[in-house]
């Protein structure tokens, strides 16, 4: 899910939850899975459709908050 689309959907209240998981391609990186009200899952990506990953789990929190979510689940 591209960043601009995800933010627009978040403003409309479309997101049910966010999950932060270890990246399968690099265990030193974290990525965000978004779930909508229909339980459909999306990988959170930038506007070039490249998955957003980060080494610092805390750096993803403001991005998740920008989607209208106040919490997230972390999977190790």
C-alpha atoms as a PDB file:
ATOM      1  CA  UNK A   1       0.000   0.000   0.000  1.00  0.00           C
ATOM      2  CA  UNK A   2       1.607   3.241  -1.160  1.00  0.00           C
ATOM      3  CA  UNK A   3       2.208   5.909   1.480  1.00  0.00           C
ATOM      4  CA  UNK A   4      -0.184   8.564   0.121  1.00  0.00           C
ATOM      5  CA  UNK A   5      -2.982   6.022  -0.386  1.00  0.00           C
ATOM      6  CA  UNK A   6      -2.453   4.559   3.089  1.00  0.00           C
ATOM      7  CA  UNK A   7      -2.629   7.992   4.731  1.00  0.00           C
ATOM      8  CA  UNK A   8      -5.807   8.891   2.802  1.00  0.00           C
ATOM      9  CA  UNK A   9      -7.444   5.615   3.796  1.00  0.00           C
ATOM     10  CA  UNK A  10      -6.316   6.156   7.387  1.00  0.00           C
ATOM     11  CA  UNK A  11      -8.042   9.543   7.483  1.00  0.00           C
ATOM     12  CA  UNK A  12     -11.206   7.761   6.355  1.00  0.00           C
ATOM     13  CA  UNK A  13     -10.812   5.242   9.210  1.00  0.00           C
ATOM     14  CA  UNK A  14     -10.135   2.248   6.948  1.00  0.00           C
ATOM     15  CA  UNK A  15      -7.342   0.662   9.003  1.00  0.00           C
ATOM     16  CA  UNK A  16      -8.180  -1.893  11.655  1.00  0.00           C
ATOM     17  CA  UNK A  17      -4.635  -2.612  12.817  1.00  0.00           C
ATOM     18  CA  UNK A  18      -0.934  -2.410  12.088  1.00  0.00           C
ATOM     19  CA  UNK A  19       1.593  -5.142  12.712  1.00  0.00           C
ATOM     20  CA  UNK A  20       5.342  -4.598  12.777  1.00  0.00           C
ATOM     21  CA  UNK A  21       7.352  -7.618  11.732  1.00  0.00           C
ATOM     22  CA  UNK A  22      10.938  -8.608  11.047  1.00  0.00           C
ATOM     23  CA  UNK A  23      11.713  -8.297   7.350  1.00  0.00           C
ATOM     24  CA  UNK A  24      12.115 -11.739   5.749  1.00  0.00           C
ATOM     25  CA  UNK A  25      14.876 -10.442   3.481  1.00  0.00           C
ATOM     26  CA  UNK A  26      16.894  -8.789   6.260  1.00  0.00           C
ATOM     27  CA  UNK A  27      16.431  -9.757   9.900  1.00  0.00           C
ATOM     28  CA  UNK A  28      17.922  -6.403  10.983  1.00  0.00           C
ATOM     29  CA  UNK A  29      14.980  -4.502   9.445  1.00  0.00           C
ATOM     30  CA  UNK A  30      11.335  -4.053  10.484  1.00  0.00           C
ATOM     31  CA  UNK A  31       8.347  -3.521   8.179  1.00  0.00           C
ATOM     32  CA  UNK A  32       4.647  -2.722   8.673  1.00  0.00           C
ATOM     33  CA  UNK A  33       1.669  -4.851   7.662  1.00  0.00           C
ATOM     34  CA  UNK A  34      -1.660  -3.020   7.585  1.00  0.00           C
ATOM     35  CA  UNK A  35      -5.032  -4.716   7.948  1.00  0.00           C
ATOM     36  CA  UNK A  36      -8.227  -3.051   6.796  1.00  0.00           C
ATOM     37  CA  UNK A  37     -11.753  -3.522   8.176  1.00  0.00           C
ATOM     38  CA  UNK A  38     -12.195  -6.570   5.886  1.00  0.00           C
ATOM     39  CA  UNK A  39      -8.992  -8.145   7.301  1.00  0.00           C
ATOM     40  CA  UNK A  40      -7.190  -7.733   3.978  1.00  0.00           C
ATOM     41  CA  UNK A  41      -3.437  -7.304   4.549  1.00  0.00           C
ATOM     42  CA  UNK A  42      -1.151  -4.758   2.873  1.00  0.00           C
ATOM     43  CA  UNK A  43       2.579  -4.081   3.110  1.00  0.00           C
ATOM     44  CA  UNK A  44       3.166  -0.400   3.930  1.00  0.00           C
ATOM     45  CA  UNK A  45       5.278   1.102   1.128  1.00  0.00           C
ATOM     46  CA  UNK A  46       6.621   4.438  -0.064  1.00  0.00           C
ATOM     47  CA  UNK A  47       5.124   6.201  -3.085  1.00  0.00           C
ATOM     48  CA  UNK A  48       7.444   4.261  -5.412  1.00  0.00           C
ATOM     49  CA  UNK A  49       5.849   1.070  -4.012  1.00  0.00           C
ATOM     50  CA  UNK A  50       9.041  -0.002  -2.210  1.00  0.00           C
ATOM     51  CA  UNK A  51       8.282  -1.494   1.245  1.00  0.00           C
ATOM     52  CA  UNK A  52       9.142   0.885   4.070  1.00  0.00           C
ATOM     53  CA  UNK A  53      11.654  -0.775   6.384  1.00  0.00           C
ATOM     54  CA  UNK A  54      13.735   0.553   9.235  1.00  0.00           C
ATOM     55  CA  UNK A  55      16.378  -0.764  11.620  1.00  0.00           C
ATOM     56  CA  UNK A  56      14.852   1.182  14.519  1.00  0.00           C
ATOM     57  CA  UNK A  57      11.431  -0.127  15.494  1.00  0.00           C
ATOM     58  CA  UNK A  58      10.616   3.192  17.184  1.00  0.00           C
ATOM     59  CA  UNK A  59      11.096   5.081  13.913  1.00  0.00           C
ATOM     60  CA  UNK A  60       8.031   3.332  12.474  1.00  0.00           C
ATOM     61  CA  UNK A  61       5.718   4.576  15.239  1.00  0.00           C
ATOM     62  CA  UNK A  62       5.199   8.113  13.795  1.00  0.00           C
ATOM     63  CA  UNK A  63       4.449   6.616  10.376  1.00  0.00           C
ATOM     64  CA  UNK A  64       1.833   4.324  11.879  1.00  0.00           C
ATOM     65  CA  UNK A  65       0.341   7.242  13.811  1.00  0.00           C
ATOM     66  CA  UNK A  66       0.047   9.201  10.520  1.00  0.00           C
ATOM     67  CA  UNK A  67      -2.320   6.441   9.354  1.00  0.00           C
ATOM     68  CA  UNK A  68      -4.779   7.198  12.137  1.00  0.00           C
ATOM     69  CA  UNK A  69      -3.727   4.273  14.337  1.00  0.00           C
ATOM     70  CA  UNK A  70      -2.724   4.737  17.968  1.00  0.00           C
ATOM     71  CA  UNK A  71      -1.170   1.342  18.584  1.00  0.00           C
ATOM     72  CA  UNK A  72       0.420  -1.588  16.804  1.00  0.00           C
ATOM     73  CA  UNK A  73       1.469  -5.159  17.468  1.00  0.00           C
ATOM     74  CA  UNK A  74       5.096  -6.280  17.181  1.00  0.00           C
ATOM     75  CA  UNK A  75       5.917  -9.799  16.025  1.00  0.00           C
ATOM     76  CA  UNK A  76       9.427 -11.068  16.760  1.00  0.00           C
END
